[in-house]
């Protein structure tokens, strides 16, 4: 009898977990909770950290770093290059990268790229 009870509860636990995962508190925008893309042949979800008490650590908290090399970069790199922000990048990944009509290039040092990069980007 115990086995039957455990097995009958298991699907409802899975269902409850799936419902919980779909409740996104910290969305990218009001109508975009996350996006999915492919990275190295694997499907990945790009979303914001859901822990509202989360604080950045390590490199991203170093706001007073020597320049050079950590200088603020211009927003206009060169003529013919359109700079975009996060929302435009996510839409580009969804609309262009996902159907192979666009490429995201991460131009940071290869060592930085290998540690952390935007899913679907190339270096």
PDB file of N, CA and C in Angstrom:
ATOM      1  N   UNK A   1       0.816  -1.197   0.000  1.00  0.00           N
ATOM      2  CA  UNK A   1       0.000   0.000   0.000  1.00  0.00           C
ATOM      3  C   UNK A   1       0.857   1.259   0.000  1.00  0.00           C
ATOM      4  N   UNK A   2       1.980   1.219   0.739  1.00  0.00           N
ATOM      5  CA  UNK A   2       2.858   2.386   0.790  1.00  0.00           C
ATOM      6  C   UNK A   2       3.446   2.695  -0.582  1.00  0.00           C
ATOM      7  N   UNK A   3       3.811   1.676  -1.316  1.00  0.00           N
ATOM      8  CA  UNK A   3       4.369   1.896  -2.649  1.00  0.00           C
ATOM      9  C   UNK A   3       3.359   2.569  -3.560  1.00  0.00           C
ATOM     10  N   UNK A   4       2.144   2.141  -3.489  1.00  0.00           N
ATOM     11  CA  UNK A   4       1.092   2.727  -4.309  1.00  0.00           C
ATOM     12  C   UNK A   4       0.899   4.198  -3.968  1.00  0.00           C
ATOM     13  N   UNK A   5       0.934   4.525  -2.704  1.00  0.00           N
ATOM     14  CA  UNK A   5       0.778   5.907  -2.263  1.00  0.00           C
ATOM     15  C   UNK A   5       1.938   6.762  -2.756  1.00  0.00           C
ATOM     16  N   UNK A   6       3.149   6.270  -2.637  1.00  0.00           N
ATOM     17  CA  UNK A   6       4.330   7.015  -3.089  1.00  0.00           C
ATOM     18  C   UNK A   6       4.260   7.247  -4.592  1.00  0.00           C
ATOM     19  N   UNK A   7       3.935   6.213  -5.351  1.00  0.00           N
ATOM     20  CA  UNK A   7       3.864   6.368  -6.798  1.00  0.00           C
ATOM     21  C   UNK A   7       2.736   7.302  -7.219  1.00  0.00           C
ATOM     22  N   UNK A   8       1.632   7.293  -6.481  1.00  0.00           N
ATOM     23  CA  UNK A   8       0.539   8.185  -6.851  1.00  0.00           C
ATOM     24  C   UNK A   8       0.860   9.631  -6.497  1.00  0.00           C
ATOM     25  N   UNK A   9       1.693   9.875  -5.509  1.00  0.00           N
ATOM     26  CA  UNK A   9       2.088  11.237  -5.153  1.00  0.00           C
ATOM     27  C   UNK A   9       3.165  11.786  -6.084  1.00  0.00           C
ATOM     28  N   UNK A  10       3.998  10.923  -6.635  1.00  0.00           N
ATOM     29  CA  UNK A  10       5.121  11.364  -7.458  1.00  0.00           C
ATOM     30  C   UNK A  10       4.693  12.230  -8.637  1.00  0.00           C
ATOM     31  N   UNK A  11       3.691  11.826  -9.450  1.00  0.00           N
ATOM     32  CA  UNK A  11       3.278  12.702 -10.563  1.00  0.00           C
ATOM     33  C   UNK A  11       2.769  14.058 -10.093  1.00  0.00           C
ATOM     34  N   UNK A  12       2.055  14.091  -8.958  1.00  0.00           N
ATOM     35  CA  UNK A  12       1.563  15.386  -8.482  1.00  0.00           C
ATOM     36  C   UNK A  12       2.704  16.260  -7.994  1.00  0.00           C
ATOM     37  N   UNK A  13       3.763  15.675  -7.445  1.00  0.00           N
ATOM     38  CA  UNK A  13       4.938  16.458  -7.057  1.00  0.00           C
ATOM     39  C   UNK A  13       5.619  17.036  -8.288  1.00  0.00           C
ATOM     40  N   UNK A  14       5.718  16.245  -9.343  1.00  0.00           N
ATOM     41  CA  UNK A  14       6.298  16.749 -10.584  1.00  0.00           C
ATOM     42  C   UNK A  14       5.459  17.882 -11.150  1.00  0.00           C
ATOM     43  N   UNK A  15       4.152  17.710 -11.132  1.00  0.00           N
ATOM     44  CA  UNK A  15       3.263  18.749 -11.631  1.00  0.00           C
ATOM     45  C   UNK A  15       3.403  20.014 -10.796  1.00  0.00           C
ATOM     46  N   UNK A  16       3.460  19.874  -9.480  1.00  0.00           N
ATOM     47  CA  UNK A  16       3.620  21.040  -8.607  1.00  0.00           C
ATOM     48  C   UNK A  16       4.950  21.727  -8.873  1.00  0.00           C
ATOM     49  N   UNK A  17       5.994  20.958  -9.103  1.00  0.00           N
ATOM     50  CA  UNK A  17       7.299  21.542  -9.387  1.00  0.00           C
ATOM     51  C   UNK A  17       7.268  22.299 -10.710  1.00  0.00           C
ATOM     52  N   UNK A  18       6.616  21.742 -11.729  1.00  0.00           N
ATOM     53  CA  UNK A  18       6.517  22.424 -13.014  1.00  0.00           C
ATOM     54  C   UNK A  18       5.737  23.720 -12.895  1.00  0.00           C
ATOM     55  N   UNK A  19       4.668  23.711 -12.121  1.00  0.00           N
ATOM     56  CA  UNK A  19       3.886  24.931 -11.925  1.00  0.00           C
ATOM     57  C   UNK A  19       4.742  25.972 -11.232  1.00  0.00           C
ATOM     58  N   UNK A  20       5.504  25.556 -10.228  1.00  0.00           N
ATOM     59  CA  UNK A  20       6.371  26.481  -9.501  1.00  0.00           C
ATOM     60  C   UNK A  20       7.410  27.095 -10.436  1.00  0.00           C
ATOM     61  N   UNK A  21       8.003  26.293 -11.311  1.00  0.00           N
ATOM     62  CA  UNK A  21       9.011  26.793 -12.236  1.00  0.00           C
ATOM     63  C   UNK A  21       8.435  27.817 -13.203  1.00  0.00           C
ATOM     64  N   UNK A  22       7.167  27.693 -13.550  1.00  0.00           N
ATOM     65  CA  UNK A  22       6.569  28.620 -14.500  1.00  0.00           C
ATOM     66  C   UNK A  22       6.249  29.975 -13.880  1.00  0.00           C
ATOM     67  N   UNK A  23       6.220  30.053 -12.553  1.00  0.00           N
ATOM     68  CA  UNK A  23       5.963  31.333 -11.890  1.00  0.00           C
ATOM     69  C   UNK A  23       7.274  32.119 -11.847  1.00  0.00           C
ATOM     70  N   UNK A  24       7.418  33.057 -12.742  1.00  0.00           N
ATOM     71  CA  UNK A  24       8.631  33.860 -12.847  1.00  0.00           C
ATOM     72  C   UNK A  24       8.387  35.189 -12.144  1.00  0.00           C
ATOM     73  N   UNK A  25       9.135  35.437 -11.084  1.00  0.00           N
ATOM     74  CA  UNK A  25       9.001  36.685 -10.337  1.00  0.00           C
ATOM     75  C   UNK A  25       9.840  37.785 -10.963  1.00  0.00           C
ATOM     76  N   UNK A  26      11.069  37.448 -11.333  1.00  0.00           N
ATOM     77  CA  UNK A  26      11.998  38.435 -11.884  1.00  0.00           C
ATOM     78  C   UNK A  26      12.086  38.202 -13.390  1.00  0.00           C
ATOM     79  N   UNK A  27      11.299  38.944 -14.132  1.00  0.00           N
ATOM     80  CA  UNK A  27      11.262  38.794 -15.588  1.00  0.00           C
ATOM     81  C   UNK A  27      12.299  39.702 -16.245  1.00  0.00           C
ATOM     82  N   UNK A  28      12.563  39.457 -17.507  1.00  0.00           N
ATOM     83  CA  UNK A  28      13.427  40.338 -18.288  1.00  0.00           C
ATOM     84  C   UNK A  28      12.666  41.620 -18.597  1.00  0.00           C
ATOM     85  N   UNK A  29      11.459  41.470 -19.125  1.00  0.00           N
ATOM     86  CA  UNK A  29      10.520  42.584 -19.296  1.00  0.00           C
ATOM     87  C   UNK A  29       9.159  42.066 -18.864  1.00  0.00           C
ATOM     88  N   UNK A  30       8.181  42.929 -18.828  1.00  0.00           N
ATOM     89  CA  UNK A  30       6.849  42.523 -18.399  1.00  0.00           C
ATOM     90  C   UNK A  30       6.282  41.408 -19.263  1.00  0.00           C
ATOM     91  N   UNK A  31       6.575  41.419 -20.569  1.00  0.00           N
ATOM     92  CA  UNK A  31       6.049  40.386 -21.464  1.00  0.00           C
ATOM     93  C   UNK A  31       7.104  39.378 -21.916  1.00  0.00           C
ATOM     94  N   UNK A  32       8.298  39.409 -21.325  1.00  0.00           N
ATOM     95  CA  UNK A  32       9.358  38.464 -21.676  1.00  0.00           C
ATOM     96  C   UNK A  32       9.977  37.908 -20.383  1.00  0.00           C
ATOM     97  N   UNK A  33       9.464  36.768 -19.892  1.00  0.00           N
ATOM     98  CA  UNK A  33      10.026  36.215 -18.666  1.00  0.00           C
ATOM     99  C   UNK A  33      11.422  35.621 -18.876  1.00  0.00           C
ATOM    100  N   UNK A  34      11.672  35.062 -20.058  1.00  0.00           N
ATOM    101  CA  UNK A  34      12.958  34.452 -20.409  1.00  0.00           C
ATOM    102  C   UNK A  34      12.940  34.177 -21.904  1.00  0.00           C
ATOM    103  N   UNK A  35      14.099  33.780 -22.436  1.00  0.00           N
ATOM    104  CA  UNK A  35      14.139  33.284 -23.814  1.00  0.00           C
ATOM    105  C   UNK A  35      14.907  31.976 -23.813  1.00  0.00           C
ATOM    106  N   UNK A  36      14.716  31.175 -24.837  1.00  0.00           N
ATOM    107  CA  UNK A  36      15.495  29.956 -25.009  1.00  0.00           C
ATOM    108  C   UNK A  36      16.263  30.057 -26.316  1.00  0.00           C
ATOM    109  N   UNK A  37      17.436  29.453 -26.324  1.00  0.00           N
ATOM    110  CA  UNK A  37      18.272  29.422 -27.523  1.00  0.00           C
ATOM    111  C   UNK A  37      19.100  28.151 -27.475  1.00  0.00           C
ATOM    112  N   UNK A  38      19.921  27.945 -28.475  1.00  0.00           N
ATOM    113  CA  UNK A  38      20.802  26.785 -28.531  1.00  0.00           C
ATOM    114  C   UNK A  38      22.236  27.247 -28.363  1.00  0.00           C
ATOM    115  N   UNK A  39      22.981  26.541 -27.525  1.00  0.00           N
ATOM    116  CA  UNK A  39      24.380  26.852 -27.271  1.00  0.00           C
ATOM    117  C   UNK A  39      25.173  25.553 -27.328  1.00  0.00           C
ATOM    118  N   UNK A  40      26.080  25.450 -28.282  1.00  0.00           N
ATOM    119  CA  UNK A  40      26.873  24.230 -28.476  1.00  0.00           C
ATOM    120  C   UNK A  40      25.978  22.996 -28.609  1.00  0.00           C
ATOM    121  N   UNK A  41      24.876  23.148 -29.331  1.00  0.00           N
ATOM    122  CA  UNK A  41      23.983  22.033 -29.579  1.00  0.00           C
ATOM    123  C   UNK A  41      22.999  21.725 -28.462  1.00  0.00           C
ATOM    124  N   UNK A  42      23.053  22.471 -27.367  1.00  0.00           N
ATOM    125  CA  UNK A  42      22.148  22.234 -26.240  1.00  0.00           C
ATOM    126  C   UNK A  42      21.196  23.408 -26.088  1.00  0.00           C
ATOM    127  N   UNK A  43      19.942  23.102 -25.761  1.00  0.00           N
ATOM    128  CA  UNK A  43      18.947  24.149 -25.535  1.00  0.00           C
ATOM    129  C   UNK A  43      19.203  24.770 -24.160  1.00  0.00           C
ATOM    130  N   UNK A  44      19.263  26.102 -24.102  1.00  0.00           N
ATOM    131  CA  UNK A  44      19.479  26.803 -22.836  1.00  0.00           C
ATOM    132  C   UNK A  44      18.419  27.888 -22.659  1.00  0.00           C
ATOM    133  N   UNK A  45      18.154  28.215 -21.409  1.00  0.00           N
ATOM    134  CA  UNK A  45      17.198  29.268 -21.072  1.00  0.00           C
ATOM    135  C   UNK A  45      17.989  30.457 -20.530  1.00  0.00           C
ATOM    136  N   UNK A  46      17.735  31.637 -21.089  1.00  0.00           N
ATOM    137  CA  UNK A  46      18.341  32.867 -20.590  1.00  0.00           C
ATOM    138  C   UNK A  46      17.276  33.569 -19.760  1.00  0.00           C
ATOM    139  N   UNK A  47      17.576  33.729 -18.477  1.00  0.00           N
ATOM    140  CA  UNK A  47      16.628  34.368 -17.584  1.00  0.00           C
ATOM    141  C   UNK A  47      17.375  35.109 -16.490  1.00  0.00           C
ATOM    142  N   UNK A  48      16.668  35.973 -15.805  1.00  0.00           N
ATOM    143  CA  UNK A  48      17.263  36.690 -14.687  1.00  0.00           C
ATOM    144  C   UNK A  48      17.247  35.795 -13.460  1.00  0.00           C
ATOM    145  N   UNK A  49      18.171  36.034 -12.538  1.00  0.00           N
ATOM    146  CA  UNK A  49      18.222  35.285 -11.290  1.00  0.00           C
ATOM    147  C   UNK A  49      16.938  35.566 -10.521  1.00  0.00           C
ATOM    148  N   UNK A  50      16.277  34.525 -10.064  1.00  0.00           N
ATOM    149  CA  UNK A  50      14.987  34.672  -9.407  1.00  0.00           C
ATOM    150  C   UNK A  50      15.084  35.026  -7.921  1.00  0.00           C
ATOM    151  N   UNK A  51      16.255  34.915  -7.339  1.00  0.00           N
ATOM    152  CA  UNK A  51      16.454  35.252  -5.926  1.00  0.00           C
ATOM    153  C   UNK A  51      16.531  36.771  -5.789  1.00  0.00           C
ATOM    154  N   UNK A  52      15.484  37.381  -5.253  1.00  0.00           N
ATOM    155  CA  UNK A  52      15.447  38.845  -5.154  1.00  0.00           C
ATOM    156  C   UNK A  52      16.403  39.396  -4.100  1.00  0.00           C
ATOM    157  N   UNK A  53      17.011  38.527  -3.301  1.00  0.00           N
ATOM    158  CA  UNK A  53      18.029  38.956  -2.334  1.00  0.00           C
ATOM    159  C   UNK A  53      19.443  38.770  -2.882  1.00  0.00           C
ATOM    160  N   UNK A  54      19.572  38.294  -4.110  1.00  0.00           N
ATOM    161  CA  UNK A  54      20.879  38.032  -4.709  1.00  0.00           C
ATOM    162  C   UNK A  54      21.695  39.319  -4.855  1.00  0.00           C
ATOM    163  N   UNK A  55      23.001  39.214  -4.634  1.00  0.00           N
ATOM    164  CA  UNK A  55      23.924  40.325  -4.836  1.00  0.00           C
ATOM    165  C   UNK A  55      25.094  39.823  -5.673  1.00  0.00           C
ATOM    166  N   UNK A  56      25.583  40.659  -6.570  1.00  0.00           N
ATOM    167  CA  UNK A  56      26.715  40.282  -7.414  1.00  0.00           C
ATOM    168  C   UNK A  56      27.978  40.175  -6.576  1.00  0.00           C
ATOM    169  N   UNK A  57      28.870  39.277  -7.005  1.00  0.00           N
ATOM    170  CA  UNK A  57      30.147  39.094  -6.324  1.00  0.00           C
ATOM    171  C   UNK A  57      31.258  39.050  -7.361  1.00  0.00           C
ATOM    172  N   UNK A  58      32.458  38.961  -6.887  1.00  0.00           N
ATOM    173  CA  UNK A  58      33.649  38.806  -7.718  1.00  0.00           C
ATOM    174  C   UNK A  58      33.843  39.966  -8.692  1.00  0.00           C
ATOM    175  N   UNK A  59      34.179  39.672  -9.935  1.00  0.00           N
ATOM    176  CA  UNK A  59      34.558  40.695 -10.911  1.00  0.00           C
ATOM    177  C   UNK A  59      33.505  41.769 -11.121  1.00  0.00           C
ATOM    178  N   UNK A  60      32.240  41.405 -11.072  1.00  0.00           N
ATOM    179  CA  UNK A  60      31.194  42.364 -11.402  1.00  0.00           C
ATOM    180  C   UNK A  60      30.944  43.397 -10.309  1.00  0.00           C
ATOM    181  N   UNK A  61      31.544  43.213  -9.134  1.00  0.00           N
ATOM    182  CA  UNK A  61      31.370  44.208  -8.078  1.00  0.00           C
ATOM    183  C   UNK A  61      32.543  45.171  -8.020  1.00  0.00           C
ATOM    184  N   UNK A  62      33.527  44.975  -8.853  1.00  0.00           N
ATOM    185  CA  UNK A  62      34.710  45.847  -8.857  1.00  0.00           C
ATOM    186  C   UNK A  62      34.425  47.069  -9.719  1.00  0.00           C
ATOM    187  N   UNK A  63      33.859  48.079  -9.107  1.00  0.00           N
ATOM    188  CA  UNK A  63      33.490  49.271  -9.868  1.00  0.00           C
ATOM    189  C   UNK A  63      34.624  50.275  -9.967  1.00  0.00           C
ATOM    190  N   UNK A  64      35.634  50.144  -9.143  1.00  0.00           N
ATOM    191  CA  UNK A  64      36.762  51.088  -9.157  1.00  0.00           C
ATOM    192  C   UNK A  64      38.034  50.344  -9.514  1.00  0.00           C
ATOM    193  N   UNK A  65      38.138  49.974 -10.774  1.00  0.00           N
ATOM    194  CA  UNK A  65      39.311  49.242 -11.243  1.00  0.00           C
ATOM    195  C   UNK A  65      40.148  50.163 -12.108  1.00  0.00           C
ATOM    196  N   UNK A  66      41.471  49.979 -12.110  1.00  0.00           N
ATOM    197  CA  UNK A  66      42.366  50.877 -12.846  1.00  0.00           C
ATOM    198  C   UNK A  66      42.081  50.911 -14.347  1.00  0.00           C
ATOM    199  N   UNK A  67      42.216  52.087 -14.910  1.00  0.00           N
ATOM    200  CA  UNK A  67      42.051  52.288 -16.347  1.00  0.00           C
ATOM    201  C   UNK A  67      43.342  52.899 -16.876  1.00  0.00           C
ATOM    202  N   UNK A  68      44.045  52.261 -17.866  1.00  0.00           N
ATOM    203  CA  UNK A  68      43.740  50.971 -18.448  1.00  0.00           C
ATOM    204  C   UNK A  68      44.088  49.825 -17.492  1.00  0.00           C
ATOM    205  N   UNK A  69      43.605  48.633 -17.782  1.00  0.00           N
ATOM    206  CA  UNK A  69      42.873  48.179 -18.954  1.00  0.00           C
ATOM    207  C   UNK A  69      41.351  48.261 -18.794  1.00  0.00           C
ATOM    208  N   UNK A  70      40.863  48.548 -17.595  1.00  0.00           N
ATOM    209  CA  UNK A  70      39.415  48.498 -17.363  1.00  0.00           C
ATOM    210  C   UNK A  70      38.772  49.859 -17.572  1.00  0.00           C
ATOM    211  N   UNK A  71      38.828  50.345 -18.787  1.00  0.00           N
ATOM    212  CA  UNK A  71      38.285  51.660 -19.129  1.00  0.00           C
ATOM    213  C   UNK A  71      36.857  51.526 -19.646  1.00  0.00           C
ATOM    214  N   UNK A  72      36.081  52.571 -19.451  1.00  0.00           N
ATOM    215  CA  UNK A  72      34.741  52.602 -20.025  1.00  0.00           C
ATOM    216  C   UNK A  72      34.883  52.692 -21.538  1.00  0.00           C
ATOM    217  N   UNK A  73      34.111  51.865 -22.239  1.00  0.00           N
ATOM    218  CA  UNK A  73      34.196  51.812 -23.690  1.00  0.00           C
ATOM    219  C   UNK A  73      33.125  52.709 -24.313  1.00  0.00           C
ATOM    220  N   UNK A  74      33.411  53.261 -25.485  1.00  0.00           N
ATOM    221  CA  UNK A  74      32.412  54.110 -26.144  1.00  0.00           C
ATOM    222  C   UNK A  74      31.192  53.292 -26.563  1.00  0.00           C
ATOM    223  N   UNK A  75      30.036  53.950 -26.587  1.00  0.00           N
ATOM    224  CA  UNK A  75      28.842  53.239 -27.032  1.00  0.00           C
ATOM    225  C   UNK A  75      28.770  53.170 -28.551  1.00  0.00           C
ATOM    226  N   UNK A  76      29.483  54.054 -29.225  1.00  0.00           N
ATOM    227  CA  UNK A  76      29.545  54.013 -30.688  1.00  0.00           C
ATOM    228  C   UNK A  76      30.954  53.587 -31.073  1.00  0.00           C
ATOM    229  N   UNK A  77      31.090  52.339 -31.489  1.00  0.00           N
ATOM    230  CA  UNK A  77      32.404  51.783 -31.789  1.00  0.00           C
ATOM    231  C   UNK A  77      32.925  52.275 -33.128  1.00  0.00           C
ATOM    232  N   UNK A  78      32.094  52.179 -34.164  1.00  0.00           N
ATOM    233  CA  UNK A  78      32.512  52.583 -35.508  1.00  0.00           C
ATOM    234  C   UNK A  78      31.289  52.754 -36.394  1.00  0.00           C
ATOM    235  N   UNK A  79      31.464  53.493 -37.483  1.00  0.00           N
ATOM    236  CA  UNK A  79      30.381  53.645 -38.452  1.00  0.00           C
ATOM    237  C   UNK A  79      30.000  52.275 -39.010  1.00  0.00           C
ATOM    238  N   UNK A  80      28.729  52.049 -39.174  1.00  0.00           N
ATOM    239  CA  UNK A  80      28.252  50.775 -39.695  1.00  0.00           C
ATOM    240  C   UNK A  80      28.024  49.722 -38.619  1.00  0.00           C
ATOM    241  N   UNK A  81      28.422  50.012 -37.394  1.00  0.00           N
ATOM    242  CA  UNK A  81      28.214  49.087 -36.276  1.00  0.00           C
ATOM    243  C   UNK A  81      27.070  49.633 -35.437  1.00  0.00           C
ATOM    244  N   UNK A  82      26.010  48.860 -35.298  1.00  0.00           N
ATOM    245  CA  UNK A  82      24.879  49.273 -34.474  1.00  0.00           C
ATOM    246  C   UNK A  82      25.004  48.642 -33.097  1.00  0.00           C
ATOM    247  N   UNK A  83      25.165  49.464 -32.094  1.00  0.00           N
ATOM    248  CA  UNK A  83      25.240  48.962 -30.728  1.00  0.00           C
ATOM    249  C   UNK A  83      23.833  48.756 -30.185  1.00  0.00           C
ATOM    250  N   UNK A  84      23.681  47.735 -29.361  1.00  0.00           N
ATOM    251  CA  UNK A  84      22.372  47.425 -28.800  1.00  0.00           C
ATOM    252  C   UNK A  84      22.505  47.174 -27.302  1.00  0.00           C
ATOM    253  N   UNK A  85      21.388  47.184 -26.623  1.00  0.00           N
ATOM    254  CA  UNK A  85      21.346  46.896 -25.189  1.00  0.00           C
ATOM    255  C   UNK A  85      20.791  45.490 -24.969  1.00  0.00           C
ATOM    256  N   UNK A  86      20.568  45.125 -23.705  1.00  0.00           N
ATOM    257  CA  UNK A  86      20.175  43.756 -23.364  1.00  0.00           C
ATOM    258  C   UNK A  86      18.901  43.281 -24.058  1.00  0.00           C
ATOM    259  N   UNK A  87      17.852  44.081 -24.024  1.00  0.00           N
ATOM    260  CA  UNK A  87      16.578  43.652 -24.612  1.00  0.00           C
ATOM    261  C   UNK A  87      16.737  43.401 -26.105  1.00  0.00           C
ATOM    262  N   UNK A  88      17.418  44.310 -26.790  1.00  0.00           N
ATOM    263  CA  UNK A  88      17.629  44.132 -28.231  1.00  0.00           C
ATOM    264  C   UNK A  88      18.471  42.888 -28.506  1.00  0.00           C
ATOM    265  N   UNK A  89      19.446  42.599 -27.633  1.00  0.00           N
ATOM    266  CA  UNK A  89      20.273  41.406 -27.800  1.00  0.00           C
ATOM    267  C   UNK A  89      19.426  40.144 -27.655  1.00  0.00           C
ATOM    268  N   UNK A  90      18.590  40.094 -26.647  1.00  0.00           N
ATOM    269  CA  UNK A  90      17.750  38.915 -26.450  1.00  0.00           C
ATOM    270  C   UNK A  90      16.795  38.710 -27.623  1.00  0.00           C
ATOM    271  N   UNK A  91      16.219  39.775 -28.118  1.00  0.00           N
ATOM    272  CA  UNK A  91      15.333  39.665 -29.282  1.00  0.00           C
ATOM    273  C   UNK A  91      16.115  39.222 -30.519  1.00  0.00           C
ATOM    274  N   UNK A  92      17.355  39.707 -30.660  1.00  0.00           N
ATOM    275  CA  UNK A  92      18.213  39.300 -31.775  1.00  0.00           C
ATOM    276  C   UNK A  92      18.501  37.800 -31.695  1.00  0.00           C
ATOM    277  N   UNK A  93      18.807  37.306 -30.495  1.00  0.00           N
ATOM    278  CA  UNK A  93      19.060  35.869 -30.326  1.00  0.00           C
ATOM    279  C   UNK A  93      17.818  35.079 -30.709  1.00  0.00           C
ATOM    280  N   UNK A  94      16.662  35.522 -30.238  1.00  0.00           N
ATOM    281  CA  UNK A  94      15.404  34.836 -30.550  1.00  0.00           C
ATOM    282  C   UNK A  94      15.078  34.872 -32.038  1.00  0.00           C
ATOM    283  N   UNK A  95      15.218  36.038 -32.651  1.00  0.00           N
ATOM    284  CA  UNK A  95      14.757  36.224 -34.029  1.00  0.00           C
ATOM    285  C   UNK A  95      15.793  35.885 -35.096  1.00  0.00           C
ATOM    286  N   UNK A  96      17.045  36.127 -34.834  1.00  0.00           N
ATOM    287  CA  UNK A  96      18.076  35.957 -35.870  1.00  0.00           C
ATOM    288  C   UNK A  96      18.992  34.763 -35.620  1.00  0.00           C
ATOM    289  N   UNK A  97      19.561  34.668 -34.416  1.00  0.00           N
ATOM    290  CA  UNK A  97      20.507  33.586 -34.133  1.00  0.00           C
ATOM    291  C   UNK A  97      19.802  32.235 -34.187  1.00  0.00           C
ATOM    292  N   UNK A  98      18.600  32.169 -33.622  1.00  0.00           N
ATOM    293  CA  UNK A  98      17.864  30.897 -33.574  1.00  0.00           C
ATOM    294  C   UNK A  98      17.546  30.333 -34.953  1.00  0.00           C
ATOM    295  N   UNK A  99      17.411  31.201 -35.971  1.00  0.00           N
ATOM    296  CA  UNK A  99      17.137  30.684 -37.324  1.00  0.00           C
ATOM    297  C   UNK A  99      18.333  30.859 -38.258  1.00  0.00           C
ATOM    298  N   UNK A 100      19.523  31.030 -37.670  1.00  0.00           N
ATOM    299  CA  UNK A 100      20.793  31.089 -38.411  1.00  0.00           C
ATOM    300  C   UNK A 100      20.888  32.244 -39.398  1.00  0.00           C
ATOM    301  N   UNK A 101      20.256  33.377 -39.095  1.00  0.00           N
ATOM    302  CA  UNK A 101      20.406  34.557 -39.949  1.00  0.00           C
ATOM    303  C   UNK A 101      21.194  35.661 -39.248  1.00  0.00           C
ATOM    304  N   UNK A 102      21.716  35.373 -38.059  1.00  0.00           N
ATOM    305  CA  UNK A 102      22.518  36.346 -37.316  1.00  0.00           C
ATOM    306  C   UNK A 102      23.524  35.644 -36.429  1.00  0.00           C
ATOM    307  N   UNK A 103      24.541  36.388 -35.993  1.00  0.00           N
ATOM    308  CA  UNK A 103      25.600  35.841 -35.149  1.00  0.00           C
ATOM    309  C   UNK A 103      25.880  36.820 -34.018  1.00  0.00           C
ATOM    310  N   UNK A 104      26.046  36.292 -32.806  1.00  0.00           N
ATOM    311  CA  UNK A 104      26.482  37.101 -31.668  1.00  0.00           C
ATOM    312  C   UNK A 104      27.966  36.832 -31.479  1.00  0.00           C
ATOM    313  N   UNK A 105      28.764  37.891 -31.490  1.00  0.00           N
ATOM    314  CA  UNK A 105      30.214  37.759 -31.320  1.00  0.00           C
ATOM    315  C   UNK A 105      30.604  38.335 -29.971  1.00  0.00           C
ATOM    316  N   UNK A 106      31.226  37.507 -29.139  1.00  0.00           N
ATOM    317  CA  UNK A 106      31.762  37.940 -27.854  1.00  0.00           C
ATOM    318  C   UNK A 106      33.235  38.252 -28.099  1.00  0.00           C
ATOM    319  N   UNK A 107      33.578  39.531 -28.119  1.00  0.00           N
ATOM    320  CA  UNK A 107      34.928  39.953 -28.510  1.00  0.00           C
ATOM    321  C   UNK A 107      35.889  40.065 -27.329  1.00  0.00           C
ATOM    322  N   UNK A 108      35.497  39.569 -26.181  1.00  0.00           N
ATOM    323  CA  UNK A 108      36.405  39.604 -25.032  1.00  0.00           C
ATOM    324  C   UNK A 108      37.547  38.612 -25.230  1.00  0.00           C
ATOM    325  N   UNK A 109      38.534  38.676 -24.346  1.00  0.00           N
ATOM    326  CA  UNK A 109      39.628  37.718 -24.396  1.00  0.00           C
ATOM    327  C   UNK A 109      39.079  36.299 -24.360  1.00  0.00           C
ATOM    328  N   UNK A 110      39.760  35.385 -25.068  1.00  0.00           N
ATOM    329  CA  UNK A 110      39.291  33.998 -25.129  1.00  0.00           C
ATOM    330  C   UNK A 110      39.177  33.394 -23.733  1.00  0.00           C
ATOM    331  N   UNK A 111      40.116  33.715 -22.847  1.00  0.00           N
ATOM    332  CA  UNK A 111      40.075  33.159 -21.489  1.00  0.00           C
ATOM    333  C   UNK A 111      38.813  33.602 -20.747  1.00  0.00           C
ATOM    334  N   UNK A 112      38.360  34.830 -20.969  1.00  0.00           N
ATOM    335  CA  UNK A 112      37.127  35.312 -20.338  1.00  0.00           C
ATOM    336  C   UNK A 112      35.917  34.644 -20.979  1.00  0.00           C
ATOM    337  N   UNK A 113      35.959  34.514 -22.304  1.00  0.00           N
ATOM    338  CA  UNK A 113      34.867  33.875 -23.048  1.00  0.00           C
ATOM    339  C   UNK A 113      34.650  32.448 -22.565  1.00  0.00           C
ATOM    340  N   UNK A 114      35.750  31.719 -22.332  1.00  0.00           N
ATOM    341  CA  UNK A 114      35.652  30.321 -21.914  1.00  0.00           C
ATOM    342  C   UNK A 114      35.061  30.180 -20.516  1.00  0.00           C
ATOM    343  N   UNK A 115      35.236  31.189 -19.684  1.00  0.00           N
ATOM    344  CA  UNK A 115      34.685  31.142 -18.324  1.00  0.00           C
ATOM    345  C   UNK A 115      33.200  31.473 -18.324  1.00  0.00           C
ATOM    346  N   UNK A 116      32.837  32.509 -19.079  1.00  0.00           N
ATOM    347  CA  UNK A 116      31.462  32.994 -19.039  1.00  0.00           C
ATOM    348  C   UNK A 116      31.164  33.777 -20.306  1.00  0.00           C
ATOM    349  N   UNK A 117      30.071  33.440 -20.969  1.00  0.00           N
ATOM    350  CA  UNK A 117      29.704  34.159 -22.182  1.00  0.00           C
ATOM    351  C   UNK A 117      28.193  34.166 -22.364  1.00  0.00           C
ATOM    352  N   UNK A 118      27.738  34.883 -23.344  1.00  0.00           N
ATOM    353  CA  UNK A 118      26.327  34.908 -23.699  1.00  0.00           C
ATOM    354  C   UNK A 118      26.025  33.616 -24.455  1.00  0.00           C
ATOM    355  N   UNK A 119      25.016  32.858 -24.038  1.00  0.00           N
ATOM    356  CA  UNK A 119      24.690  31.638 -24.773  1.00  0.00           C
ATOM    357  C   UNK A 119      24.460  31.934 -26.254  1.00  0.00           C
ATOM    358  N   UNK A 120      25.011  31.098 -27.098  1.00  0.00           N
ATOM    359  CA  UNK A 120      24.951  31.141 -28.559  1.00  0.00           C
ATOM    360  C   UNK A 120      26.018  32.033 -29.172  1.00  0.00           C
ATOM    361  N   UNK A 121      26.805  32.755 -28.359  1.00  0.00           N
ATOM    362  CA  UNK A 121      27.848  33.636 -28.895  1.00  0.00           C
ATOM    363  C   UNK A 121      29.057  32.832 -29.362  1.00  0.00           C
ATOM    364  N   UNK A 122      29.795  33.427 -30.313  1.00  0.00           N
ATOM    365  CA  UNK A 122      31.079  32.869 -30.742  1.00  0.00           C
ATOM    366  C   UNK A 122      32.159  33.867 -30.359  1.00  0.00           C
ATOM    367  N   UNK A 123      33.406  33.397 -30.310  1.00  0.00           N
ATOM    368  CA  UNK A 123      34.524  34.250 -29.918  1.00  0.00           C
ATOM    369  C   UNK A 123      35.507  34.335 -31.068  1.00  0.00           C
TER     370      UNK A 123
END
